[in-house]
Amino acid sequence: MAEPGLLTVRYYVAAGATAKALETLDALAASRADRIGAEARMAKARLLESTGRTGDAVEEFLDLAYLYPDIEDLAAEALAQAARVARARGERDRARQFEDRLRKEY
């Protein structure tokens, strides 16, 4: 069953209410230290990227990997996404660091 907060975010995004979606994701991530919290951070990072806030997206992906290392699938995906976005931003050295960490830890 899907988390109601994440479903609400999907509605806000579909309705074009990006600020409200980000606010909801922040609240959800802050209140949950489990997989739902990690999924909220992943959704926030993706939303930030889709709205052009790529620097913020990289940081959110990294926060997810740091805060939820035991949720390995999401932590590894977050590092891979951080590397991808950093590379797209022209931050090649930083992207390589994330890729090295990904290979080392996962």
PDB file of N, CA and C in Angstrom:
ATOM      1  N   MET A   1       0.842  -1.188   0.000  1.00  0.00           N
ATOM      2  CA  MET A   1       0.000   0.000   0.000  1.00  0.00           C
ATOM      3  C   MET A   1       0.884   1.248   0.000  1.00  0.00           C
ATOM      4  N   ALA A   2       0.529   2.208  -0.781  1.00  0.00           N
ATOM      5  CA  ALA A   2       1.312   3.437  -0.895  1.00  0.00           C
ATOM      6  C   ALA A   2       1.064   4.346   0.308  1.00  0.00           C
ATOM      7  N   GLU A   3       2.093   5.057   0.677  1.00  0.00           N
ATOM      8  CA  GLU A   3       2.015   6.025   1.768  1.00  0.00           C
ATOM      9  C   GLU A   3       1.125   7.194   1.328  1.00  0.00           C
ATOM     10  N   PRO A   4       0.113   7.542   2.133  1.00  0.00           N
ATOM     11  CA  PRO A   4      -0.787   8.641   1.750  1.00  0.00           C
ATOM     12  C   PRO A   4      -0.061   9.956   1.467  1.00  0.00           C
ATOM     13  N   GLY A   5       0.980  10.252   2.226  1.00  0.00           N
ATOM     14  CA  GLY A   5       1.717  11.494   1.997  1.00  0.00           C
ATOM     15  C   GLY A   5       2.367  11.531   0.627  1.00  0.00           C
ATOM     16  N   LEU A   6       2.899  10.389   0.196  1.00  0.00           N
ATOM     17  CA  LEU A   6       3.520  10.333  -1.126  1.00  0.00           C
ATOM     18  C   LEU A   6       2.468  10.434  -2.229  1.00  0.00           C
ATOM     19  N   LEU A   7       1.307   9.870  -1.982  1.00  0.00           N
ATOM     20  CA  LEU A   7       0.214  10.003  -2.953  1.00  0.00           C
ATOM     21  C   LEU A   7      -0.246  11.459  -3.058  1.00  0.00           C
ATOM     22  N   THR A   8      -0.280  12.131  -1.932  1.00  0.00           N
ATOM     23  CA  THR A   8      -0.653  13.547  -1.925  1.00  0.00           C
ATOM     24  C   THR A   8       0.340  14.360  -2.746  1.00  0.00           C
ATOM     25  N   VAL A   9       1.613  14.024  -2.612  1.00  0.00           N
ATOM     26  CA  VAL A   9       2.647  14.723  -3.383  1.00  0.00           C
ATOM     27  C   VAL A   9       2.419  14.527  -4.879  1.00  0.00           C
ATOM     28  N   ARG A  10       2.091  13.313  -5.277  1.00  0.00           N
ATOM     29  CA  ARG A  10       1.812  13.067  -6.703  1.00  0.00           C
ATOM     30  C   ARG A  10       0.680  13.969  -7.199  1.00  0.00           C
ATOM     31  N   TYR A  11      -0.333  14.114  -6.377  1.00  0.00           N
ATOM     32  CA  TYR A  11      -1.454  14.988  -6.746  1.00  0.00           C
ATOM     33  C   TYR A  11      -0.965  16.429  -6.911  1.00  0.00           C
ATOM     34  N   TYR A  12      -0.188  16.920  -5.935  1.00  0.00           N
ATOM     35  CA  TYR A  12       0.304  18.299  -6.013  1.00  0.00           C
ATOM     36  C   TYR A  12       1.145  18.513  -7.265  1.00  0.00           C
ATOM     37  N   VAL A  13       2.005  17.559  -7.576  1.00  0.00           N
ATOM     38  CA  VAL A  13       2.853  17.682  -8.764  1.00  0.00           C
ATOM     39  C   VAL A  13       1.983  17.723 -10.018  1.00  0.00           C
ATOM     40  N   ALA A  14       1.009  16.828 -10.099  1.00  0.00           N
ATOM     41  CA  ALA A  14       0.122  16.794 -11.264  1.00  0.00           C
ATOM     42  C   ALA A  14      -0.669  18.090 -11.399  1.00  0.00           C
ATOM     43  N   ALA A  15      -0.986  18.699 -10.266  1.00  0.00           N
ATOM     44  CA  ALA A  15      -1.756  19.945 -10.276  1.00  0.00           C
ATOM     45  C   ALA A  15      -0.866  21.174 -10.472  1.00  0.00           C
ATOM     46  N   GLY A  16       0.444  20.964 -10.551  1.00  0.00           N
ATOM     47  CA  GLY A  16       1.361  22.083 -10.746  1.00  0.00           C
ATOM     48  C   GLY A  16       1.704  22.830  -9.473  1.00  0.00           C
ATOM     49  N   ALA A  17       1.391  22.246  -8.333  1.00  0.00           N
ATOM     50  CA  ALA A  17       1.658  22.888  -7.040  1.00  0.00           C
ATOM     51  C   ALA A  17       3.001  22.393  -6.488  1.00  0.00           C
ATOM     52  N   THR A  18       4.068  22.773  -7.175  1.00  0.00           N
ATOM     53  CA  THR A  18       5.402  22.287  -6.822  1.00  0.00           C
ATOM     54  C   THR A  18       5.806  22.695  -5.413  1.00  0.00           C
ATOM     55  N   ALA A  19       5.542  23.928  -5.036  1.00  0.00           N
ATOM     56  CA  ALA A  19       5.923  24.393  -3.700  1.00  0.00           C
ATOM     57  C   ALA A  19       5.222  23.570  -2.621  1.00  0.00           C
ATOM     58  N   LYS A  20       3.962  23.293  -2.827  1.00  0.00           N
ATOM     59  CA  LYS A  20       3.204  22.490  -1.858  1.00  0.00           C
ATOM     60  C   LYS A  20       3.741  21.057  -1.828  1.00  0.00           C
ATOM     61  N   ALA A  21       4.110  20.525  -2.980  1.00  0.00           N
ATOM     62  CA  ALA A  21       4.686  19.180  -3.037  1.00  0.00           C
ATOM     63  C   ALA A  21       6.000  19.130  -2.260  1.00  0.00           C
ATOM     64  N   LEU A  22       6.851  20.126  -2.459  1.00  0.00           N
ATOM     65  CA  LEU A  22       8.131  20.162  -1.740  1.00  0.00           C
ATOM     66  C   LEU A  22       7.920  20.307  -0.236  1.00  0.00           C
ATOM     67  N   GLU A  23       6.962  21.123   0.144  1.00  0.00           N
ATOM     68  CA  GLU A  23       6.644  21.305   1.564  1.00  0.00           C
ATOM     69  C   GLU A  23       6.183  19.983   2.188  1.00  0.00           C
ATOM     70  N   THR A  24       5.345  19.275   1.477  1.00  0.00           N
ATOM     71  CA  THR A  24       4.842  17.987   1.969  1.00  0.00           C
ATOM     72  C   THR A  24       5.970  16.965   2.064  1.00  0.00           C
ATOM     73  N   LEU A  25       6.840  16.943   1.065  1.00  0.00           N
ATOM     74  CA  LEU A  25       7.975  16.018   1.094  1.00  0.00           C
ATOM     75  C   LEU A  25       8.925  16.345   2.244  1.00  0.00           C
ATOM     76  N   ASP A  26       9.162  17.628   2.487  1.00  0.00           N
ATOM     77  CA  ASP A  26      10.008  18.024   3.621  1.00  0.00           C
ATOM     78  C   ASP A  26       9.429  17.514   4.934  1.00  0.00           C
ATOM     79  N   ALA A  27       8.138  17.711   5.112  1.00  0.00           N
ATOM     80  CA  ALA A  27       7.485  17.284   6.352  1.00  0.00           C
ATOM     81  C   ALA A  27       7.534  15.767   6.497  1.00  0.00           C
ATOM     82  N   LEU A  28       7.290  15.075   5.418  1.00  0.00           N
ATOM     83  CA  LEU A  28       7.300  13.616   5.454  1.00  0.00           C
ATOM     84  C   LEU A  28       8.704  13.088   5.749  1.00  0.00           C
ATOM     85  N   ALA A  29       9.701  13.643   5.093  1.00  0.00           N
ATOM     86  CA  ALA A  29      11.083  13.208   5.313  1.00  0.00           C
ATOM     87  C   ALA A  29      11.533  13.499   6.746  1.00  0.00           C
ATOM     88  N   ALA A  30      11.113  14.632   7.280  1.00  0.00           N
ATOM     89  CA  ALA A  30      11.514  15.012   8.638  1.00  0.00           C
ATOM     90  C   ALA A  30      10.839  14.155   9.703  1.00  0.00           C
ATOM     91  N   SER A  31       9.685  13.618   9.387  1.00  0.00           N
ATOM     92  CA  SER A  31       8.926  12.879  10.395  1.00  0.00           C
ATOM     93  C   SER A  31       9.130  11.370  10.334  1.00  0.00           C
ATOM     94  N   ARG A  32       9.864  10.892   9.332  1.00  0.00           N
ATOM     95  CA  ARG A  32      10.024   9.448   9.164  1.00  0.00           C
ATOM     96  C   ARG A  32      11.499   9.090   9.032  1.00  0.00           C
ATOM     97  N   ALA A  33      11.926   8.102   9.806  1.00  0.00           N
ATOM     98  CA  ALA A  33      13.306   7.623   9.733  1.00  0.00           C
ATOM     99  C   ALA A  33      13.349   6.227   9.118  1.00  0.00           C
ATOM    100  N   ASP A  34      12.351   5.928   8.306  1.00  0.00           N
ATOM    101  CA  ASP A  34      12.244   4.606   7.702  1.00  0.00           C
ATOM    102  C   ASP A  34      12.244   4.736   6.178  1.00  0.00           C
ATOM    103  N   ARG A  35      11.854   3.679   5.507  1.00  0.00           N
ATOM    104  CA  ARG A  35      11.849   3.674   4.047  1.00  0.00           C
ATOM    105  C   ARG A  35      10.968   4.786   3.470  1.00  0.00           C
ATOM    106  N   ILE A  36       9.876   5.090   4.125  1.00  0.00           N
ATOM    107  CA  ILE A  36       9.000   6.165   3.643  1.00  0.00           C
ATOM    108  C   ILE A  36       9.752   7.494   3.656  1.00  0.00           C
ATOM    109  N   GLY A  37      10.511   7.741   4.709  1.00  0.00           N
ATOM    110  CA  GLY A  37      11.322   8.956   4.762  1.00  0.00           C
ATOM    111  C   GLY A  37      12.345   9.001   3.640  1.00  0.00           C
ATOM    112  N   ALA A  38      12.969   7.861   3.377  1.00  0.00           N
ATOM    113  CA  ALA A  38      13.947   7.787   2.285  1.00  0.00           C
ATOM    114  C   ALA A  38      13.268   8.010   0.935  1.00  0.00           C
ATOM    115  N   GLU A  39      12.101   7.417   0.755  1.00  0.00           N
ATOM    116  CA  GLU A  39      11.366   7.610  -0.503  1.00  0.00           C
ATOM    117  C   GLU A  39      10.943   9.069  -0.670  1.00  0.00           C
ATOM    118  N   ALA A  40      10.607   9.715   0.428  1.00  0.00           N
ATOM    119  CA  ALA A  40      10.247  11.136   0.363  1.00  0.00           C
ATOM    120  C   ALA A  40      11.450  11.964  -0.080  1.00  0.00           C
ATOM    121  N   ARG A  41      12.624  11.646   0.447  1.00  0.00           N
ATOM    122  CA  ARG A  41      13.832  12.370   0.029  1.00  0.00           C
ATOM    123  C   ARG A  41      14.150  12.118  -1.443  1.00  0.00           C
ATOM    124  N   MET A  42      13.963  10.879  -1.893  1.00  0.00           N
ATOM    125  CA  MET A  42      14.205  10.567  -3.304  1.00  0.00           C
ATOM    126  C   MET A  42      13.238  11.352  -4.183  1.00  0.00           C
ATOM    127  N   ALA A  43      11.980  11.372  -3.790  1.00  0.00           N
ATOM    128  CA  ALA A  43      10.981  12.117  -4.561  1.00  0.00           C
ATOM    129  C   ALA A  43      11.309  13.608  -4.571  1.00  0.00           C
ATOM    130  N   LYS A  44      11.765  14.122  -3.442  1.00  0.00           N
ATOM    131  CA  LYS A  44      12.125  15.539  -3.374  1.00  0.00           C
ATOM    132  C   LYS A  44      13.298  15.837  -4.298  1.00  0.00           C
ATOM    133  N   ALA A  45      14.311  14.986  -4.268  1.00  0.00           N
ATOM    134  CA  ALA A  45      15.475  15.200  -5.130  1.00  0.00           C
ATOM    135  C   ALA A  45      15.072  15.189  -6.601  1.00  0.00           C
ATOM    136  N   ARG A  46      14.230  14.248  -6.968  1.00  0.00           N
ATOM    137  CA  ARG A  46      13.774  14.172  -8.364  1.00  0.00           C
ATOM    138  C   ARG A  46      12.953  15.400  -8.753  1.00  0.00           C
ATOM    139  N   LEU A  47      12.118  15.850  -7.834  1.00  0.00           N
ATOM    140  CA  LEU A  47      11.309  17.033  -8.113  1.00  0.00           C
ATOM    141  C   LEU A  47      12.197  18.269  -8.243  1.00  0.00           C
ATOM    142  N   LEU A  48      13.170  18.393  -7.367  1.00  0.00           N
ATOM    143  CA  LEU A  48      14.102  19.519  -7.472  1.00  0.00           C
ATOM    144  C   LEU A  48      14.820  19.499  -8.823  1.00  0.00           C
ATOM    145  N   GLU A  49      15.266  18.321  -9.220  1.00  0.00           N
ATOM    146  CA  GLU A  49      15.940  18.217 -10.512  1.00  0.00           C
ATOM    147  C   GLU A  49      15.002  18.612 -11.649  1.00  0.00           C
ATOM    148  N   SER A  50      13.782  18.129 -11.598  1.00  0.00           N
ATOM    149  CA  SER A  50      12.842  18.400 -12.693  1.00  0.00           C
ATOM    150  C   SER A  50      12.464  19.871 -12.795  1.00  0.00           C
ATOM    151  N   THR A  51      12.652  20.609 -11.708  1.00  0.00           N
ATOM    152  CA  THR A  51      12.344  22.040 -11.731  1.00  0.00           C
ATOM    153  C   THR A  51      13.590  22.893 -11.954  1.00  0.00           C
ATOM    154  N   GLY A  52      14.703  22.236 -12.288  1.00  0.00           N
ATOM    155  CA  GLY A  52      15.919  22.969 -12.609  1.00  0.00           C
ATOM    156  C   GLY A  52      16.813  23.281 -11.428  1.00  0.00           C
ATOM    157  N   ARG A  53      16.435  22.854 -10.263  1.00  0.00           N
ATOM    158  CA  ARG A  53      17.247  23.108  -9.062  1.00  0.00           C
ATOM    159  C   ARG A  53      18.218  21.944  -8.871  1.00  0.00           C
ATOM    160  N   THR A  54      19.108  21.790  -9.849  1.00  0.00           N
ATOM    161  CA  THR A  54      19.967  20.611  -9.884  1.00  0.00           C
ATOM    162  C   THR A  54      20.988  20.574  -8.748  1.00  0.00           C
ATOM    163  N   GLY A  55      21.487  21.719  -8.343  1.00  0.00           N
ATOM    164  CA  GLY A  55      22.419  21.742  -7.211  1.00  0.00           C
ATOM    165  C   GLY A  55      21.751  21.250  -5.942  1.00  0.00           C
ATOM    166  N   ASP A  56      20.533  21.708  -5.713  1.00  0.00           N
ATOM    167  CA  ASP A  56      19.769  21.246  -4.553  1.00  0.00           C
ATOM    168  C   ASP A  56      19.447  19.758  -4.672  1.00  0.00           C
ATOM    169  N   ALA A  57      19.184  19.316  -5.894  1.00  0.00           N
ATOM    170  CA  ALA A  57      18.879  17.897  -6.114  1.00  0.00           C
ATOM    171  C   ALA A  57      20.074  17.028  -5.740  1.00  0.00           C
ATOM    172  N   VAL A  58      21.267  17.430  -6.162  1.00  0.00           N
ATOM    173  CA  VAL A  58      22.468  16.658  -5.816  1.00  0.00           C
ATOM    174  C   VAL A  58      22.591  16.543  -4.302  1.00  0.00           C
ATOM    175  N   GLU A  59      22.408  17.648  -3.612  1.00  0.00           N
ATOM    176  CA  GLU A  59      22.533  17.630  -2.153  1.00  0.00           C
ATOM    177  C   GLU A  59      21.475  16.740  -1.506  1.00  0.00           C
ATOM    178  N   GLU A  60      20.279  16.756  -2.040  1.00  0.00           N
ATOM    179  CA  GLU A  60      19.212  15.908  -1.487  1.00  0.00           C
ATOM    180  C   GLU A  60      19.513  14.432  -1.730  1.00  0.00           C
ATOM    181  N   PHE A  61      20.018  14.100  -2.922  1.00  0.00           N
ATOM    182  CA  PHE A  61      20.421  12.717  -3.189  1.00  0.00           C
ATOM    183  C   PHE A  61      21.505  12.287  -2.196  1.00  0.00           C
ATOM    184  N   LEU A  62      22.468  13.163  -1.957  1.00  0.00           N
ATOM    185  CA  LEU A  62      23.552  12.834  -1.022  1.00  0.00           C
ATOM    186  C   LEU A  62      23.038  12.689   0.405  1.00  0.00           C
ATOM    187  N   ASP A  63      22.112  13.546   0.801  1.00  0.00           N
ATOM    188  CA  ASP A  63      21.517  13.433   2.136  1.00  0.00           C
ATOM    189  C   ASP A  63      20.849  12.074   2.312  1.00  0.00           C
ATOM    190  N   LEU A  64      20.138  11.644   1.292  1.00  0.00           N
ATOM    191  CA  LEU A  64      19.471  10.343   1.357  1.00  0.00           C
ATOM    192  C   LEU A  64      20.503   9.239   1.575  1.00  0.00           C
ATOM    193  N   ALA A  65      21.565   9.245   0.784  1.00  0.00           N
ATOM    194  CA  ALA A  65      22.596   8.205   0.909  1.00  0.00           C
ATOM    195  C   ALA A  65      23.248   8.232   2.290  1.00  0.00           C
ATOM    196  N   TYR A  66      23.432   9.425   2.840  1.00  0.00           N
ATOM    197  CA  TYR A  66      24.058   9.565   4.155  1.00  0.00           C
ATOM    198  C   TYR A  66      23.119   9.135   5.284  1.00  0.00           C
ATOM    199  N   LEU A  67      21.873   9.547   5.203  1.00  0.00           N
ATOM    200  CA  LEU A  67      20.930   9.300   6.292  1.00  0.00           C
ATOM    201  C   LEU A  67      20.344   7.888   6.301  1.00  0.00           C
ATOM    202  N   TYR A  68      20.331   7.240   5.146  1.00  0.00           N
ATOM    203  CA  TYR A  68      19.681   5.930   5.039  1.00  0.00           C
ATOM    204  C   TYR A  68      20.605   4.875   4.420  1.00  0.00           C
ATOM    205  N   PRO A  69      21.811   4.702   4.944  1.00  0.00           N
ATOM    206  CA  PRO A  69      22.731   3.729   4.334  1.00  0.00           C
ATOM    207  C   PRO A  69      22.225   2.288   4.425  1.00  0.00           C
ATOM    208  N   ASP A  70      21.368   2.012   5.389  1.00  0.00           N
ATOM    209  CA  ASP A  70      20.853   0.652   5.553  1.00  0.00           C
ATOM    210  C   ASP A  70      19.745   0.310   4.553  1.00  0.00           C
ATOM    211  N   ILE A  71      19.217   1.308   3.900  1.00  0.00           N
ATOM    212  CA  ILE A  71      18.240   1.056   2.833  1.00  0.00           C
ATOM    213  C   ILE A  71      19.052   1.098   1.539  1.00  0.00           C
ATOM    214  N   GLU A  72      19.776   0.010   1.327  1.00  0.00           N
ATOM    215  CA  GLU A  72      20.836  -0.018   0.326  1.00  0.00           C
ATOM    216  C   GLU A  72      20.370   0.287  -1.088  1.00  0.00           C
ATOM    217  N   ASP A  73      19.204  -0.199  -1.475  1.00  0.00           N
ATOM    218  CA  ASP A  73      18.774   0.054  -2.853  1.00  0.00           C
ATOM    219  C   ASP A  73      18.565   1.545  -3.102  1.00  0.00           C
ATOM    220  N   LEU A  74      17.952   2.235  -2.153  1.00  0.00           N
ATOM    221  CA  LEU A  74      17.720   3.668  -2.331  1.00  0.00           C
ATOM    222  C   LEU A  74      19.002   4.476  -2.137  1.00  0.00           C
ATOM    223  N   ALA A  75      19.840   4.064  -1.191  1.00  0.00           N
ATOM    224  CA  ALA A  75      21.102   4.775  -0.968  1.00  0.00           C
ATOM    225  C   ALA A  75      22.003   4.674  -2.197  1.00  0.00           C
ATOM    226  N   ALA A  76      22.090   3.484  -2.774  1.00  0.00           N
ATOM    227  CA  ALA A  76      22.914   3.301  -3.976  1.00  0.00           C
ATOM    228  C   ALA A  76      22.336   4.088  -5.150  1.00  0.00           C
ATOM    229  N   GLU A  77      21.028   4.035  -5.303  1.00  0.00           N
ATOM    230  CA  GLU A  77      20.401   4.799  -6.387  1.00  0.00           C
ATOM    231  C   GLU A  77      20.634   6.293  -6.198  1.00  0.00           C
ATOM    232  N   ALA A  78      20.563   6.752  -4.959  1.00  0.00           N
ATOM    233  CA  ALA A  78      20.776   8.172  -4.685  1.00  0.00           C
ATOM    234  C   ALA A  78      22.191   8.603  -5.067  1.00  0.00           C
ATOM    235  N   LEU A  79      23.180   7.779  -4.743  1.00  0.00           N
ATOM    236  CA  LEU A  79      24.555   8.107  -5.135  1.00  0.00           C
ATOM    237  C   LEU A  79      24.707   8.121  -6.651  1.00  0.00           C
ATOM    238  N   ALA A  80      24.097   7.154  -7.315  1.00  0.00           N
ATOM    239  CA  ALA A  80      24.171   7.111  -8.778  1.00  0.00           C
ATOM    240  C   ALA A  80      23.507   8.346  -9.386  1.00  0.00           C
ATOM    241  N   GLN A  81      22.376   8.740  -8.835  1.00  0.00           N
ATOM    242  CA  GLN A  81      21.680   9.922  -9.346  1.00  0.00           C
ATOM    243  C   GLN A  81      22.475  11.194  -9.059  1.00  0.00           C
ATOM    244  N   ALA A  82      23.084  11.264  -7.881  1.00  0.00           N
ATOM    245  CA  ALA A  82      23.917  12.425  -7.554  1.00  0.00           C
ATOM    246  C   ALA A  82      25.065  12.541  -8.549  1.00  0.00           C
ATOM    247  N   ALA A  83      25.678  11.411  -8.881  1.00  0.00           N
ATOM    248  CA  ALA A  83      26.774  11.418  -9.860  1.00  0.00           C
ATOM    249  C   ALA A  83      26.271  11.871 -11.229  1.00  0.00           C
ATOM    250  N   ARG A  84      25.129  11.350 -11.640  1.00  0.00           N
ATOM    251  CA  ARG A  84      24.569  11.705 -12.949  1.00  0.00           C
ATOM    252  C   ARG A  84      24.278  13.198 -13.043  1.00  0.00           C
ATOM    253  N   VAL A  85      23.632  13.735 -12.013  1.00  0.00           N
ATOM    254  CA  VAL A  85      23.258  15.151 -12.037  1.00  0.00           C
ATOM    255  C   VAL A  85      24.506  16.029 -11.929  1.00  0.00           C
ATOM    256  N   ALA A  86      25.443  15.643 -11.075  1.00  0.00           N
ATOM    257  CA  ALA A  86      26.683  16.419 -10.958  1.00  0.00           C
ATOM    258  C   ALA A  86      27.424  16.445 -12.292  1.00  0.00           C
ATOM    259  N   ARG A  87      27.486  15.308 -12.968  1.00  0.00           N
ATOM    260  CA  ARG A  87      28.154  15.249 -14.275  1.00  0.00           C
ATOM    261  C   ARG A  87      27.435  16.164 -15.272  1.00  0.00           C
ATOM    262  N   ALA A  88      26.115  16.142 -15.261  1.00  0.00           N
ATOM    263  CA  ALA A  88      25.341  17.000 -16.165  1.00  0.00           C
ATOM    264  C   ALA A  88      25.580  18.478 -15.862  1.00  0.00           C
ATOM    265  N   ARG A  89      25.898  18.783 -14.620  1.00  0.00           N
ATOM    266  CA  ARG A  89      26.196  20.163 -14.216  1.00  0.00           C
ATOM    267  C   ARG A  89      27.632  20.555 -14.551  1.00  0.00           C
ATOM    268  N   GLY A  90      28.402  19.610 -15.095  1.00  0.00           N
ATOM    269  CA  GLY A  90      29.795  19.885 -15.427  1.00  0.00           C
ATOM    270  C   GLY A  90      30.748  19.652 -14.272  1.00  0.00           C
ATOM    271  N   GLU A  91      30.260  19.043 -13.215  1.00  0.00           N
ATOM    272  CA  GLU A  91      31.076  18.778 -12.025  1.00  0.00           C
ATOM    273  C   GLU A  91      31.655  17.370 -12.119  1.00  0.00           C
ATOM    274  N   ARG A  92      32.564  17.183 -13.063  1.00  0.00           N
ATOM    275  CA  ARG A  92      33.088  15.842 -13.353  1.00  0.00           C
ATOM    276  C   ARG A  92      33.845  15.226 -12.186  1.00  0.00           C
ATOM    277  N   ASP A  93      34.690  16.011 -11.534  1.00  0.00           N
ATOM    278  CA  ASP A  93      35.462  15.470 -10.405  1.00  0.00           C
ATOM    279  C   ASP A  93      34.538  15.037  -9.273  1.00  0.00           C
ATOM    280  N   ARG A  94      33.563  15.851  -9.010  1.00  0.00           N
ATOM    281  CA  ARG A  94      32.606  15.520  -7.954  1.00  0.00           C
ATOM    282  C   ARG A  94      31.815  14.267  -8.331  1.00  0.00           C
ATOM    283  N   ALA A  95      31.407  14.176  -9.573  1.00  0.00           N
ATOM    284  CA  ALA A  95      30.674  12.997 -10.045  1.00  0.00           C
ATOM    285  C   ALA A  95      31.527  11.744  -9.882  1.00  0.00           C
ATOM    286  N   ARG A  96      32.808  11.843 -10.208  1.00  0.00           N
ATOM    287  CA  ARG A  96      33.708  10.687 -10.047  1.00  0.00           C
ATOM    288  C   ARG A  96      33.813  10.264  -8.584  1.00  0.00           C
ATOM    289  N   GLN A  97      33.830  11.235  -7.684  1.00  0.00           N
ATOM    290  CA  GLN A  97      33.876  10.904  -6.254  1.00  0.00           C
ATOM    291  C   GLN A  97      32.641  10.098  -5.850  1.00  0.00           C
ATOM    292  N   PHE A  98      31.491  10.514  -6.339  1.00  0.00           N
ATOM    293  CA  PHE A  98      30.253   9.798  -6.009  1.00  0.00           C
ATOM    294  C   PHE A  98      30.273   8.393  -6.606  1.00  0.00           C
ATOM    295  N   GLU A  99      30.774   8.279  -7.832  1.00  0.00           N
ATOM    296  CA  GLU A  99      30.852   6.965  -8.484  1.00  0.00           C
ATOM    297  C   GLU A  99      31.827   6.049  -7.748  1.00  0.00           C
ATOM    298  N   ASP A 100      32.951   6.606  -7.309  1.00  0.00           N
ATOM    299  CA  ASP A 100      33.915   5.812  -6.541  1.00  0.00           C
ATOM    300  C   ASP A 100      33.290   5.325  -5.236  1.00  0.00           C
ATOM    301  N   ARG A 101      32.580   6.201  -4.579  1.00  0.00           N
ATOM    302  CA  ARG A 101      31.907   5.821  -3.331  1.00  0.00           C
ATOM    303  C   ARG A 101      30.859   4.739  -3.591  1.00  0.00           C
ATOM    304  N   LEU A 102      30.146   4.872  -4.681  1.00  0.00           N
ATOM    305  CA  LEU A 102      29.128   3.885  -5.044  1.00  0.00           C
ATOM    306  C   LEU A 102      29.769   2.511  -5.249  1.00  0.00           C
ATOM    307  N   ARG A 103      30.870   2.470  -5.985  1.00  0.00           N
ATOM    308  CA  ARG A 103      31.564   1.195  -6.218  1.00  0.00           C
ATOM    309  C   ARG A 103      32.112   0.613  -4.916  1.00  0.00           C
ATOM    310  N   LYS A 104      32.625   1.466  -4.064  1.00  0.00           N
ATOM    311  CA  LYS A 104      33.234   1.021  -2.808  1.00  0.00           C
ATOM    312  C   LYS A 104      32.195   0.498  -1.813  1.00  0.00           C
ATOM    313  N   GLU A 105      31.087   1.194  -1.696  1.00  0.00           N
ATOM    314  CA  GLU A 105      30.106   0.872  -0.657  1.00  0.00           C
ATOM    315  C   GLU A 105      29.024  -0.101  -1.100  1.00  0.00           C
ATOM    316  N   TYR A 106      28.750  -0.152  -2.399  1.00  0.00           N
ATOM    317  CA  TYR A 106      27.645  -0.996  -2.851  1.00  0.00           C
ATOM    318  C   TYR A 106      28.094  -1.919  -3.960  1.00  0.00           C
TER     319      TYR A 106
END
